[in-house]
């Protein structure tokens, strides 16, 4: 019975769950599940574990090192006066 009406369908959640769901409308669903867990002792929602392989981590680190080396090279060129900024200009076609 909801507001004096009888429905032929089974009720999935109780009144407390409905209030929490109403308060979390248009928000990230994670907030709803965290509120249900916190207030009504619902079980923890399992989250996927993102494990990166050693090879993927190595590729990321190599990219970072390459980027840093390029920045250091530009700084060294600027320090020694050998920086030619014309190579960074956009060429008109």
PDB file of N, CA and C in Angstrom:
ATOM      1  N   UNK A   1       0.850  -1.184   0.000  1.00  0.00           N
ATOM      2  CA  UNK A   1       0.000   0.000   0.000  1.00  0.00           C
ATOM      3  C   UNK A   1       0.891   1.240   0.000  1.00  0.00           C
ATOM      4  N   UNK A   2       0.760   2.021  -1.051  1.00  0.00           N
ATOM      5  CA  UNK A   2       1.501   3.266  -1.171  1.00  0.00           C
ATOM      6  C   UNK A   2       0.498   4.392  -1.300  1.00  0.00           C
ATOM      7  N   UNK A   3       0.478   5.290  -0.319  1.00  0.00           N
ATOM      8  CA  UNK A   3      -0.449   6.426  -0.317  1.00  0.00           C
ATOM      9  C   UNK A   3      -1.885   5.966  -0.525  1.00  0.00           C
ATOM     10  N   UNK A   4      -2.252   4.870   0.113  1.00  0.00           N
ATOM     11  CA  UNK A   4      -3.623   4.392   0.047  1.00  0.00           C
ATOM     12  C   UNK A   4      -3.957   3.595  -1.192  1.00  0.00           C
ATOM     13  N   UNK A   5      -2.992   3.338  -2.056  1.00  0.00           N
ATOM     14  CA  UNK A   5      -3.249   2.573  -3.272  1.00  0.00           C
ATOM     15  C   UNK A   5      -2.693   1.163  -3.112  1.00  0.00           C
ATOM     16  N   UNK A   6      -3.352   0.206  -3.742  1.00  0.00           N
ATOM     17  CA  UNK A   6      -2.879  -1.167  -3.727  1.00  0.00           C
ATOM     18  C   UNK A   6      -2.396  -1.511  -5.121  1.00  0.00           C
ATOM     19  N   UNK A   7      -1.186  -2.077  -5.209  1.00  0.00           N
ATOM     20  CA  UNK A   7      -0.618  -2.454  -6.491  1.00  0.00           C
ATOM     21  C   UNK A   7      -0.556  -3.965  -6.568  1.00  0.00           C
ATOM     22  N   UNK A   8      -0.724  -4.499  -7.758  1.00  0.00           N
ATOM     23  CA  UNK A   8      -0.661  -5.932  -7.951  1.00  0.00           C
ATOM     24  C   UNK A   8       0.754  -6.460  -8.051  1.00  0.00           C
ATOM     25  N   UNK A   9       1.730  -5.583  -8.129  1.00  0.00           N
ATOM     26  CA  UNK A   9       3.124  -5.990  -8.276  1.00  0.00           C
ATOM     27  C   UNK A   9       3.775  -6.116  -6.895  1.00  0.00           C
ATOM     28  N   UNK A  10       4.743  -7.048  -6.767  1.00  0.00           N
ATOM     29  CA  UNK A  10       5.432  -7.160  -5.474  1.00  0.00           C
ATOM     30  C   UNK A  10       6.340  -5.952  -5.235  1.00  0.00           C
ATOM     31  N   UNK A  11       6.454  -5.562  -3.991  1.00  0.00           N
ATOM     32  CA  UNK A  11       7.287  -4.419  -3.624  1.00  0.00           C
ATOM     33  C   UNK A  11       8.725  -4.895  -3.502  1.00  0.00           C
ATOM     34  N   UNK A  12       9.630  -4.209  -4.188  1.00  0.00           N
ATOM     35  CA  UNK A  12      11.038  -4.598  -4.167  1.00  0.00           C
ATOM     36  C   UNK A  12      11.766  -4.066  -2.942  1.00  0.00           C
ATOM     37  N   UNK A  13      11.464  -2.841  -2.559  1.00  0.00           N
ATOM     38  CA  UNK A  13      12.166  -2.209  -1.451  1.00  0.00           C
ATOM     39  C   UNK A  13      11.156  -1.636  -0.478  1.00  0.00           C
ATOM     40  N   UNK A  14      11.609  -1.407   0.736  1.00  0.00           N
ATOM     41  CA  UNK A  14      10.749  -0.836   1.759  1.00  0.00           C
ATOM     42  C   UNK A  14      10.707   0.678   1.698  1.00  0.00           C
ATOM     43  N   UNK A  15      10.011   1.255   2.681  1.00  0.00           N
ATOM     44  CA  UNK A  15       9.832   2.705   2.714  1.00  0.00           C
ATOM     45  C   UNK A  15      11.157   3.432   2.961  1.00  0.00           C
ATOM     46  N   UNK A  16      11.999   2.885   3.827  1.00  0.00           N
ATOM     47  CA  UNK A  16      13.290   3.533   4.118  1.00  0.00           C
ATOM     48  C   UNK A  16      14.178   3.563   2.880  1.00  0.00           C
ATOM     49  N   UNK A  17      14.191   2.451   2.151  1.00  0.00           N
ATOM     50  CA  UNK A  17      14.985   2.405   0.924  1.00  0.00           C
ATOM     51  C   UNK A  17      14.468   3.414  -0.090  1.00  0.00           C
ATOM     52  N   UNK A  18      13.153   3.564  -0.149  1.00  0.00           N
ATOM     53  CA  UNK A  18      12.543   4.524  -1.067  1.00  0.00           C
ATOM     54  C   UNK A  18      12.922   5.957  -0.745  1.00  0.00           C
ATOM     55  N   UNK A  19      12.969   6.274   0.537  1.00  0.00           N
ATOM     56  CA  UNK A  19      13.367   7.632   0.932  1.00  0.00           C
ATOM     57  C   UNK A  19      14.821   7.916   0.554  1.00  0.00           C
ATOM     58  N   UNK A  20      15.679   6.924   0.786  1.00  0.00           N
ATOM     59  CA  UNK A  20      17.089   7.095   0.425  1.00  0.00           C
ATOM     60  C   UNK A  20      17.228   7.233  -1.087  1.00  0.00           C
ATOM     61  N   UNK A  21      16.472   6.425  -1.839  1.00  0.00           N
ATOM     62  CA  UNK A  21      16.531   6.496  -3.302  1.00  0.00           C
ATOM     63  C   UNK A  21      16.039   7.850  -3.797  1.00  0.00           C
ATOM     64  N   UNK A  22      14.985   8.368  -3.187  1.00  0.00           N
ATOM     65  CA  UNK A  22      14.452   9.672  -3.584  1.00  0.00           C
ATOM     66  C   UNK A  22      15.468  10.779  -3.302  1.00  0.00           C
ATOM     67  N   UNK A  23      16.157  10.685  -2.188  1.00  0.00           N
ATOM     68  CA  UNK A  23      17.156  11.699  -1.838  1.00  0.00           C
ATOM     69  C   UNK A  23      18.358  11.658  -2.772  1.00  0.00           C
ATOM     70  N   UNK A  24      18.592  10.517  -3.411  1.00  0.00           N
ATOM     71  CA  UNK A  24      19.767  10.367  -4.271  1.00  0.00           C
ATOM     72  C   UNK A  24      19.427  10.419  -5.756  1.00  0.00           C
ATOM     73  N   UNK A  25      18.255  10.917  -6.093  1.00  0.00           N
ATOM     74  CA  UNK A  25      17.902  11.035  -7.512  1.00  0.00           C
ATOM     75  C   UNK A  25      18.831  12.005  -8.211  1.00  0.00           C
ATOM     76  N   UNK A  26      19.152  11.694  -9.453  1.00  0.00           N
ATOM     77  CA  UNK A  26      20.013  12.507 -10.325  1.00  0.00           C
ATOM     78  C   UNK A  26      21.437  12.644  -9.790  1.00  0.00           C
ATOM     79  N   UNK A  27      21.848  11.709  -8.960  1.00  0.00           N
ATOM     80  CA  UNK A  27      23.217  11.696  -8.455  1.00  0.00           C
ATOM     81  C   UNK A  27      23.880  10.415  -8.926  1.00  0.00           C
ATOM     82  N   UNK A  28      25.140  10.322  -8.683  1.00  0.00           N
ATOM     83  CA  UNK A  28      25.893   9.117  -9.014  1.00  0.00           C
ATOM     84  C   UNK A  28      25.309   7.932  -8.241  1.00  0.00           C
ATOM     85  N   UNK A  29      25.028   6.798  -8.906  1.00  0.00           N
ATOM     86  CA  UNK A  29      24.451   5.639  -8.214  1.00  0.00           C
ATOM     87  C   UNK A  29      25.305   5.138  -7.053  1.00  0.00           C
ATOM     88  N   UNK A  30      26.584   5.424  -7.085  1.00  0.00           N
ATOM     89  CA  UNK A  30      27.446   4.997  -5.979  1.00  0.00           C
ATOM     90  C   UNK A  30      26.969   5.600  -4.666  1.00  0.00           C
ATOM     91  N   UNK A  31      26.486   6.857  -4.709  1.00  0.00           N
ATOM     92  CA  UNK A  31      25.995   7.498  -3.496  1.00  0.00           C
ATOM     93  C   UNK A  31      24.797   6.748  -2.928  1.00  0.00           C
ATOM     94  N   UNK A  32      23.920   6.262  -3.799  1.00  0.00           N
ATOM     95  CA  UNK A  32      22.750   5.505  -3.351  1.00  0.00           C
ATOM     96  C   UNK A  32      23.188   4.242  -2.626  1.00  0.00           C
ATOM     97  N   UNK A  33      24.078   3.486  -3.237  1.00  0.00           N
ATOM     98  CA  UNK A  33      24.505   2.229  -2.629  1.00  0.00           C
ATOM     99  C   UNK A  33      25.283   2.467  -1.335  1.00  0.00           C
ATOM    100  N   UNK A  34      26.084   3.530  -1.298  1.00  0.00           N
ATOM    101  CA  UNK A  34      26.808   3.841  -0.069  1.00  0.00           C
ATOM    102  C   UNK A  34      25.853   4.245   1.050  1.00  0.00           C
ATOM    103  N   UNK A  35      24.798   4.994   0.708  1.00  0.00           N
ATOM    104  CA  UNK A  35      23.812   5.382   1.720  1.00  0.00           C
ATOM    105  C   UNK A  35      23.041   4.168   2.220  1.00  0.00           C
ATOM    106  N   UNK A  36      22.657   3.264   1.322  1.00  0.00           N
ATOM    107  CA  UNK A  36      21.966   2.046   1.744  1.00  0.00           C
ATOM    108  C   UNK A  36      22.857   1.224   2.665  1.00  0.00           C
ATOM    109  N   UNK A  37      24.129   1.155   2.337  1.00  0.00           N
ATOM    110  CA  UNK A  37      25.065   0.398   3.164  1.00  0.00           C
ATOM    111  C   UNK A  37      25.231   1.066   4.528  1.00  0.00           C
ATOM    112  N   UNK A  38      25.368   2.367   4.536  1.00  0.00           N
ATOM    113  CA  UNK A  38      25.643   3.102   5.768  1.00  0.00           C
ATOM    114  C   UNK A  38      24.440   3.108   6.713  1.00  0.00           C
ATOM    115  N   UNK A  39      23.230   3.355   6.178  1.00  0.00           N
ATOM    116  CA  UNK A  39      22.059   3.538   7.030  1.00  0.00           C
ATOM    117  C   UNK A  39      21.290   2.252   7.297  1.00  0.00           C
ATOM    118  N   UNK A  40      21.276   1.336   6.332  1.00  0.00           N
ATOM    119  CA  UNK A  40      20.438   0.145   6.471  1.00  0.00           C
ATOM    120  C   UNK A  40      21.239  -1.152   6.486  1.00  0.00           C
ATOM    121  N   UNK A  41      22.551  -1.035   6.625  1.00  0.00           N
ATOM    122  CA  UNK A  41      23.430  -2.204   6.713  1.00  0.00           C
ATOM    123  C   UNK A  41      23.334  -3.132   5.506  1.00  0.00           C
ATOM    124  N   UNK A  42      23.192  -2.553   4.318  1.00  0.00           N
ATOM    125  CA  UNK A  42      23.231  -3.356   3.097  1.00  0.00           C
ATOM    126  C   UNK A  42      24.669  -3.829   2.886  1.00  0.00           C
ATOM    127  N   UNK A  43      24.857  -4.920   2.145  1.00  0.00           N
ATOM    128  CA  UNK A  43      26.232  -5.395   1.920  1.00  0.00           C
ATOM    129  C   UNK A  43      27.019  -4.428   1.035  1.00  0.00           C
ATOM    130  N   UNK A  44      28.328  -4.517   1.148  1.00  0.00           N
ATOM    131  CA  UNK A  44      29.222  -3.670   0.354  1.00  0.00           C
ATOM    132  C   UNK A  44      29.110  -4.065  -1.113  1.00  0.00           C
ATOM    133  N   UNK A  45      29.030  -3.063  -1.969  1.00  0.00           N
ATOM    134  CA  UNK A  45      28.954  -3.320  -3.408  1.00  0.00           C
ATOM    135  C   UNK A  45      30.351  -3.672  -3.897  1.00  0.00           C
ATOM    136  N   UNK A  46      30.512  -4.834  -4.534  1.00  0.00           N
ATOM    137  CA  UNK A  46      31.851  -5.194  -5.018  1.00  0.00           C
ATOM    138  C   UNK A  46      32.277  -4.275  -6.152  1.00  0.00           C
ATOM    139  N   UNK A  47      33.516  -3.872  -6.107  1.00  0.00           N
ATOM    140  CA  UNK A  47      34.061  -3.006  -7.151  1.00  0.00           C
ATOM    141  C   UNK A  47      35.154  -3.761  -7.883  1.00  0.00           C
ATOM    142  N   UNK A  48      35.256  -3.541  -9.180  1.00  0.00           N
ATOM    143  CA  UNK A  48      36.306  -4.242  -9.935  1.00  0.00           C
ATOM    144  C   UNK A  48      37.692  -3.742  -9.523  1.00  0.00           C
ATOM    145  N   UNK A  49      38.622  -4.653  -9.504  1.00  0.00           N
ATOM    146  CA  UNK A  49      39.997  -4.309  -9.162  1.00  0.00           C
ATOM    147  C   UNK A  49      40.754  -4.073 -10.465  1.00  0.00           C
ATOM    148  N   UNK A  50      41.308  -2.883 -10.584  1.00  0.00           N
ATOM    149  CA  UNK A  50      42.055  -2.532 -11.787  1.00  0.00           C
ATOM    150  C   UNK A  50      43.539  -2.770 -11.527  1.00  0.00           C
ATOM    151  N   UNK A  51      44.009  -3.886 -11.988  1.00  0.00           N
ATOM    152  CA  UNK A  51      45.428  -4.185 -11.838  1.00  0.00           C
ATOM    153  C   UNK A  51      46.111  -3.998 -13.184  1.00  0.00           C
ATOM    154  N   UNK A  52      47.186  -3.258 -13.152  1.00  0.00           N
ATOM    155  CA  UNK A  52      47.949  -3.043 -14.374  1.00  0.00           C
ATOM    156  C   UNK A  52      49.094  -4.044 -14.416  1.00  0.00           C
ATOM    157  N   UNK A  53      49.336  -4.547 -15.578  1.00  0.00           N
ATOM    158  CA  UNK A  53      50.455  -5.473 -15.724  1.00  0.00           C
ATOM    159  C   UNK A  53      51.765  -4.694 -15.624  1.00  0.00           C
ATOM    160  N   UNK A  54      52.828  -5.418 -15.369  1.00  0.00           N
ATOM    161  CA  UNK A  54      54.140  -4.776 -15.291  1.00  0.00           C
ATOM    162  C   UNK A  54      54.510  -4.127 -16.619  1.00  0.00           C
ATOM    163  N   UNK A  55      54.098  -4.766 -17.702  1.00  0.00           N
ATOM    164  CA  UNK A  55      54.411  -4.233 -19.031  1.00  0.00           C
ATOM    165  C   UNK A  55      53.699  -2.905 -19.265  1.00  0.00           C
ATOM    166  N   UNK A  56      52.426  -2.803 -18.849  1.00  0.00           N
ATOM    167  CA  UNK A  56      51.671  -1.560 -19.024  1.00  0.00           C
ATOM    168  C   UNK A  56      52.274  -0.442 -18.180  1.00  0.00           C
ATOM    169  N   UNK A  57      52.687  -0.770 -16.968  1.00  0.00           N
ATOM    170  CA  UNK A  57      53.317   0.235 -16.116  1.00  0.00           C
ATOM    171  C   UNK A  57      54.643   0.705 -16.704  1.00  0.00           C
ATOM    172  N   UNK A  58      55.382  -0.225 -17.284  1.00  0.00           N
ATOM    173  CA  UNK A  58      56.658   0.120 -17.901  1.00  0.00           C
ATOM    174  C   UNK A  58      56.459   1.069 -19.081  1.00  0.00           C
ATOM    175  N   UNK A  59      55.420   0.812 -19.885  1.00  0.00           N
ATOM    176  CA  UNK A  59      55.124   1.683 -21.027  1.00  0.00           C
ATOM    177  C   UNK A  59      54.759   3.084 -20.540  1.00  0.00           C
ATOM    178  N   UNK A  60      53.946   3.169 -19.484  1.00  0.00           N
ATOM    179  CA  UNK A  60      53.580   4.475 -18.933  1.00  0.00           C
ATOM    180  C   UNK A  60      54.809   5.230 -18.431  1.00  0.00           C
ATOM    181  N   UNK A  61      55.645   4.535 -17.694  1.00  0.00           N
ATOM    182  CA  UNK A  61      56.854   5.180 -17.174  1.00  0.00           C
ATOM    183  C   UNK A  61      57.780   5.637 -18.291  1.00  0.00           C
ATOM    184  N   UNK A  62      57.877   4.853 -19.355  1.00  0.00           N
ATOM    185  CA  UNK A  62      58.729   5.225 -20.485  1.00  0.00           C
ATOM    186  C   UNK A  62      58.212   6.503 -21.148  1.00  0.00           C
ATOM    187  N   UNK A  63      56.874   6.612 -21.269  1.00  0.00           N
ATOM    188  CA  UNK A  63      56.287   7.829 -21.844  1.00  0.00           C
ATOM    189  C   UNK A  63      56.600   9.048 -20.988  1.00  0.00           C
ATOM    190  N   UNK A  64      56.497   8.888 -19.676  1.00  0.00           N
ATOM    191  CA  UNK A  64      56.784  10.004 -18.772  1.00  0.00           C
ATOM    192  C   UNK A  64      58.250  10.411 -18.874  1.00  0.00           C
ATOM    193  N   UNK A  65      59.140   9.433 -18.907  1.00  0.00           N
ATOM    194  CA  UNK A  65      60.574   9.726 -19.016  1.00  0.00           C
ATOM    195  C   UNK A  65      60.876  10.424 -20.338  1.00  0.00           C
ATOM    196  N   UNK A  66      60.287   9.949 -21.434  1.00  0.00           N
ATOM    197  CA  UNK A  66      60.499  10.595 -22.737  1.00  0.00           C
ATOM    198  C   UNK A  66      60.029  12.044 -22.713  1.00  0.00           C
ATOM    199  N   UNK A  67      58.865  12.277 -22.099  1.00  0.00           N
ATOM    200  CA  UNK A  67      58.322  13.631 -22.014  1.00  0.00           C
ATOM    201  C   UNK A  67      59.253  14.533 -21.195  1.00  0.00           C
ATOM    202  N   UNK A  68      59.723  14.015 -20.073  1.00  0.00           N
ATOM    203  CA  UNK A  68      60.628  14.806 -19.235  1.00  0.00           C
ATOM    204  C   UNK A  68      61.949  15.088 -19.934  1.00  0.00           C
ATOM    205  N   UNK A  69      62.458  14.119 -20.673  1.00  0.00           N
ATOM    206  CA  UNK A  69      63.702  14.336 -21.416  1.00  0.00           C
ATOM    207  C   UNK A  69      63.526  15.422 -22.468  1.00  0.00           C
ATOM    208  N   UNK A  70      62.387  15.436 -23.131  1.00  0.00           N
ATOM    209  CA  UNK A  70      62.132  16.472 -24.136  1.00  0.00           C
ATOM    210  C   UNK A  70      62.077  17.851 -23.481  1.00  0.00           C
ATOM    211  N   UNK A  71      61.454  17.932 -22.313  1.00  0.00           N
ATOM    212  CA  UNK A  71      61.374  19.213 -21.614  1.00  0.00           C
ATOM    213  C   UNK A  71      62.755  19.688 -21.166  1.00  0.00           C
ATOM    214  N   UNK A  72      63.552  18.776 -20.653  1.00  0.00           N
ATOM    215  CA  UNK A  72      64.903  19.141 -20.215  1.00  0.00           C
ATOM    216  C   UNK A  72      65.733  19.606 -21.403  1.00  0.00           C
ATOM    217  N   UNK A  73      65.582  18.951 -22.548  1.00  0.00           N
ATOM    218  CA  UNK A  73      66.332  19.342 -23.749  1.00  0.00           C
ATOM    219  C   UNK A  73      65.957  20.760 -24.174  1.00  0.00           C
ATOM    220  N   UNK A  74      64.668  21.074 -24.142  1.00  0.00           N
ATOM    221  CA  UNK A  74      64.222  22.425 -24.507  1.00  0.00           C
ATOM    222  C   UNK A  74      64.796  23.449 -23.528  1.00  0.00           C
ATOM    223  N   UNK A  75      64.768  23.130 -22.237  1.00  0.00           N
ATOM    224  CA  UNK A  75      65.319  24.055 -21.240  1.00  0.00           C
ATOM    225  C   UNK A  75      66.818  24.256 -21.417  1.00  0.00           C
ATOM    226  N   UNK A  76      67.536  23.183 -21.715  1.00  0.00           N
ATOM    227  CA  UNK A  76      68.980  23.305 -21.934  1.00  0.00           C
ATOM    228  C   UNK A  76      69.274  24.131 -23.180  1.00  0.00           C
ATOM    229  N   UNK A  77      68.504  23.918 -24.243  1.00  0.00           N
ATOM    230  CA  UNK A  77      68.690  24.717 -25.461  1.00  0.00           C
ATOM    231  C   UNK A  77      68.436  26.194 -25.185  1.00  0.00           C
ATOM    232  N   UNK A  78      67.410  26.480 -24.399  1.00  0.00           N
ATOM    233  CA  UNK A  78      67.098  27.864 -24.076  1.00  0.00           C
ATOM    234  C   UNK A  78      68.215  28.474 -23.225  1.00  0.00           C
ATOM    235  N   UNK A  79      68.744  27.699 -22.319  1.00  0.00           N
ATOM    236  CA  UNK A  79      69.803  28.186 -21.441  1.00  0.00           C
ATOM    237  C   UNK A  79      71.068  28.526 -22.224  1.00  0.00           C
ATOM    238  N   UNK A  80      71.390  27.738 -23.229  1.00  0.00           N
ATOM    239  CA  UNK A  80      72.608  27.948 -24.024  1.00  0.00           C
ATOM    240  C   UNK A  80      72.362  28.831 -25.246  1.00  0.00           C
ATOM    241  N   UNK A  81      71.158  29.343 -25.401  1.00  0.00           N
ATOM    242  CA  UNK A  81      70.856  30.242 -26.507  1.00  0.00           C
ATOM    243  C   UNK A  81      70.657  29.542 -27.831  1.00  0.00           C
ATOM    244  N   UNK A  82      70.523  28.261 -27.833  1.00  0.00           N
ATOM    245  CA  UNK A  82      70.370  27.530 -29.085  1.00  0.00           C
ATOM    246  C   UNK A  82      68.935  27.151 -29.395  1.00  0.00           C
ATOM    247  N   UNK A  83      67.987  27.756 -28.713  1.00  0.00           N
ATOM    248  CA  UNK A  83      66.585  27.419 -28.935  1.00  0.00           C
ATOM    249  C   UNK A  83      66.059  28.172 -30.143  1.00  0.00           C
ATOM    250  N   UNK A  84      65.577  27.443 -31.129  1.00  0.00           N
ATOM    251  CA  UNK A  84      65.005  28.025 -32.341  1.00  0.00           C
ATOM    252  C   UNK A  84      63.500  27.797 -32.289  1.00  0.00           C
ATOM    253  N   UNK A  85      62.762  28.852 -31.915  1.00  0.00           N
ATOM    254  CA  UNK A  85      61.319  28.682 -31.749  1.00  0.00           C
ATOM    255  C   UNK A  85      60.566  28.669 -33.075  1.00  0.00           C
ATOM    256  N   UNK A  86      61.245  28.960 -34.176  1.00  0.00           N
ATOM    257  CA  UNK A  86      60.561  28.957 -35.471  1.00  0.00           C
ATOM    258  C   UNK A  86      60.122  27.556 -35.868  1.00  0.00           C
ATOM    259  N   UNK A  87      60.767  26.531 -35.320  1.00  0.00           N
ATOM    260  CA  UNK A  87      60.340  25.167 -35.671  1.00  0.00           C
ATOM    261  C   UNK A  87      59.023  24.797 -34.994  1.00  0.00           C
ATOM    262  N   UNK A  88      58.580  25.607 -34.027  1.00  0.00           N
ATOM    263  CA  UNK A  88      57.306  25.351 -33.347  1.00  0.00           C
ATOM    264  C   UNK A  88      56.161  26.163 -33.941  1.00  0.00           C
ATOM    265  N   UNK A  89      56.444  27.029 -34.917  1.00  0.00           N
ATOM    266  CA  UNK A  89      55.402  27.826 -35.558  1.00  0.00           C
ATOM    267  C   UNK A  89      54.508  26.928 -36.401  1.00  0.00           C
ATOM    268  N   UNK A  90      53.247  27.329 -36.514  1.00  0.00           N
ATOM    269  CA  UNK A  90      52.317  26.622 -37.393  1.00  0.00           C
ATOM    270  C   UNK A  90      52.567  27.106 -38.807  1.00  0.00           C
ATOM    271  N   UNK A  91      52.747  26.170 -39.714  1.00  0.00           N
ATOM    272  CA  UNK A  91      53.048  26.527 -41.100  1.00  0.00           C
ATOM    273  C   UNK A  91      51.754  26.778 -41.859  1.00  0.00           C
ATOM    274  N   UNK A  92      51.709  27.916 -42.573  1.00  0.00           N
ATOM    275  CA  UNK A  92      50.549  28.234 -43.408  1.00  0.00           C
ATOM    276  C   UNK A  92      50.648  27.458 -44.708  1.00  0.00           C
ATOM    277  N   UNK A  93      49.507  26.947 -45.123  1.00  0.00           N
ATOM    278  CA  UNK A  93      49.504  26.181 -46.383  1.00  0.00           C
ATOM    279  C   UNK A  93      48.940  26.983 -47.518  1.00  0.00           C
TER     280      UNK A  93
END
